[in-house]
C-alpha atoms as a PDB file:
ATOM      1  CA  MET A   1     -16.089  -5.309  -2.499  1.00  0.00           C
ATOM      2  CA  ILE A   2     -13.230  -3.741  -4.476  1.00  0.00           C
ATOM      3  CA  CYS A   3      -9.970  -5.771  -4.506  1.00  0.00           C
ATOM      4  CA  TYR A   4      -6.920  -3.691  -5.345  1.00  0.00           C
ATOM      5  CA  ARG A   5      -3.498  -5.193  -5.815  1.00  0.00           C
ATOM      6  CA  GLN A   6      -0.325  -3.380  -6.745  1.00  0.00           C
ATOM      7  CA  GLU A   7       3.412  -4.044  -6.657  1.00  0.00           C
ATOM      8  CA  VAL A   8       4.901  -0.856  -5.189  1.00  0.00           C
ATOM      9  CA  ARG A   9       8.548  -0.190  -5.974  1.00  0.00           C
ATOM     10  CA  GLY A  10      10.842   2.314  -4.317  1.00  0.00           C
ATOM     11  CA  ILE A  11       8.821   2.690  -1.100  1.00  0.00           C
ATOM     12  CA  PRO A  12       9.864   0.537   1.854  1.00  0.00           C
ATOM     13  CA  LEU A  13       7.253  -1.574   3.675  1.00  0.00           C
ATOM     14  CA  TRP A  14       7.470   0.515   6.868  1.00  0.00           C
ATOM     15  CA  LEU A  15       6.669   3.702   4.923  1.00  0.00           C
ATOM     16  CA  LEU A  16       3.708   2.095   3.140  1.00  0.00           C
ATOM     17  CA  GLN A  17       2.440   0.978   6.485  1.00  0.00           C
ATOM     18  CA  ASP A  18       2.726   4.597   7.731  1.00  0.00           C
ATOM     19  CA  TYR A  19       0.784   5.833   4.672  1.00  0.00           C
ATOM     20  CA  LEU A  20      -2.064   3.426   5.350  1.00  0.00           C
ATOM     21  CA  LEU A  21      -2.158   4.456   9.050  1.00  0.00           C
ATOM     22  CA  GLU A  22      -2.319   8.069   7.935  1.00  0.00           C
ATOM     23  CA  LEU A  23      -5.353   7.176   5.834  1.00  0.00           C
ATOM     24  CA  GLY A  24      -7.177   6.072   8.995  1.00  0.00           C
ATOM     25  CA  GLY A  25      -6.054   2.481   9.403  1.00  0.00           C
ATOM     26  CA  SER A  26      -5.067   0.664  12.520  1.00  0.00           C
ATOM     27  CA  LEU A  27      -2.475  -2.098  12.712  1.00  0.00           C
ATOM     28  CA  GLY A  28      -3.859  -5.461  13.770  1.00  0.00           C
ATOM     29  CA  LEU A  29      -2.055  -8.258  15.571  1.00  0.00           C
ATOM     30  CA  ASP A  30      -2.005 -10.239  12.334  1.00  0.00           C
ATOM     31  CA  GLY A  31      -0.089  -7.432  10.554  1.00  0.00           C
ATOM     32  CA  ARG A  32      -3.090  -6.312   8.500  1.00  0.00           C
ATOM     33  CA  ILE A  33      -4.063  -2.684   8.481  1.00  0.00           C
ATOM     34  CA  ALA A  34      -7.824  -1.955   8.694  1.00  0.00           C
ATOM     35  CA  GLY A  35      -9.870   1.199   8.420  1.00  0.00           C
ATOM     36  CA  ASP A  36     -13.598   1.937   8.271  1.00  0.00           C
ATOM     37  CA  GLY A  37     -14.762  -0.191   5.331  1.00  0.00           C
ATOM     38  CA  TRP A  38     -11.316  -1.312   4.148  1.00  0.00           C
ATOM     39  CA  SER A  39      -8.425  -3.563   5.036  1.00  0.00           C
ATOM     40  CA  ALA A  40      -4.923  -4.070   3.564  1.00  0.00           C
ATOM     41  CA  SER A  41      -1.933  -6.344   3.800  1.00  0.00           C
ATOM     42  CA  LEU A  42       1.633  -5.569   2.802  1.00  0.00           C
ATOM     43  CA  ILE A  43       3.906  -8.372   1.637  1.00  0.00           C
ATOM     44  CA  GLN A  44       7.646  -7.781   1.295  1.00  0.00           C
ATOM     45  CA  GLN A  45       8.889  -8.963  -2.097  1.00  0.00           C
ATOM     46  CA  ALA A  46      12.393  -9.547  -3.384  1.00  0.00           C
ATOM     47  CA  ASP A  47      14.080  -6.315  -4.453  1.00  0.00           C
ATOM     48  CA  PHE A  48      13.408  -5.253  -8.042  1.00  0.00           C
ATOM     49  CA  GLN A  49      16.754  -5.237  -9.857  1.00  0.00           C
ATOM     50  CA  VAL A  50      17.834  -3.751 -13.182  1.00  0.00           C
ATOM     51  CA  GLY A  51      21.572  -4.121 -13.699  1.00  0.00           C
ATOM     52  CA  SER A  52      23.212  -2.979 -10.470  1.00  0.00           C
ATOM     53  CA  LEU A  53      20.180  -0.917  -9.400  1.00  0.00           C
ATOM     54  CA  ARG A  54      18.087  -2.516  -6.626  1.00  0.00           C
ATOM     55  CA  VAL A  55      14.858  -1.089  -5.274  1.00  0.00           C
ATOM     56  CA  ALA A  56      12.524  -2.228  -2.520  1.00  0.00           C
ATOM     57  CA  GLN A  57       9.325  -3.890  -3.737  1.00  0.00           C
ATOM     58  CA  VAL A  58       6.207  -4.501  -1.690  1.00  0.00           C
ATOM     59  CA  LEU A  59       2.904  -6.100  -2.695  1.00  0.00           C
ATOM     60  CA  LEU A  60      -0.086  -4.056  -1.529  1.00  0.00           C
ATOM     61  CA  GLU A  61      -3.371  -5.941  -1.366  1.00  0.00           C
ATOM     62  CA  LEU A  62      -6.342  -3.821  -0.352  1.00  0.00           C
ATOM     63  CA  GLU A  63     -10.084  -4.595  -0.104  1.00  0.00           C
ATOM     64  CA  ALA A  64     -12.660  -1.874   0.294  1.00  0.00           C
ATOM     65  CA  GLU A  65     -16.341  -1.198  -0.038  1.00  0.00           C
ATOM     66  CA  PRO A  66     -16.976   0.604  -3.329  1.00  0.00           C
ATOM     67  CA  GLU A  67     -17.974   3.917  -1.748  1.00  0.00           C
ATOM     68  CA  VAL A  68     -14.970   3.822   0.596  1.00  0.00           C
ATOM     69  CA  TRP A  69     -12.651   3.054  -2.367  1.00  0.00           C
ATOM     70  CA  LYS A  70     -13.934   6.174  -4.147  1.00  0.00           C
ATOM     71  CA  ARG A  71     -12.780   8.255  -1.189  1.00  0.00           C
ATOM     72  CA  LEU A  72      -9.596   6.332  -0.374  1.00  0.00           C
ATOM     73  CA  GLN A  73      -8.127   5.822  -3.854  1.00  0.00           C
ATOM     74  CA  PRO A  74      -7.164   9.449  -4.668  1.00  0.00           C
ATOM     75  CA  SER A  75      -5.362   9.897  -1.353  1.00  0.00           C
ATOM     76  CA  LEU A  76      -3.622   6.547  -1.675  1.00  0.00           C
ATOM     77  CA  GLN A  77      -2.443   7.322  -5.190  1.00  0.00           C
ATOM     78  CA  ASP A  78      -1.131  10.743  -4.044  1.00  0.00           C
ATOM     79  CA  LYS A  79       0.959   9.007  -1.390  1.00  0.00           C
ATOM     80  CA  LEU A  80       2.282   6.390  -3.834  1.00  0.00           C
ATOM     81  CA  MET A  81       3.382   8.989  -6.392  1.00  0.00           C
ATOM     82  CA  ARG A  82       7.128   9.506  -5.978  1.00  0.00           C
ATOM     83  CA  ALA A  83       9.498  11.916  -7.706  1.00  0.00           C
ATOM     84  CA  GLY A  84      11.331  10.173 -10.482  1.00  0.00           C
ATOM     85  CA  GLY A  85       8.694   7.623 -11.392  1.00  0.00           C
END
């Protein structure tokens, strides 16, 4: 099992949730998102702040079977890439 953990900045929780749903996940009653061979949780963190600049920050924790991760990872990284950083 691959365990992936990343603090994502500049993308709100609801949009990260949409991204995971677009990757084939379904939202469970417990708030986790699960797809075929993977599951993820999103945890809202305190805003990241530098001076007066504040940006949303969400902790993404994802577990996947190794073969599933090989397919899922490039698509996930494309979705997480944002203009400006």
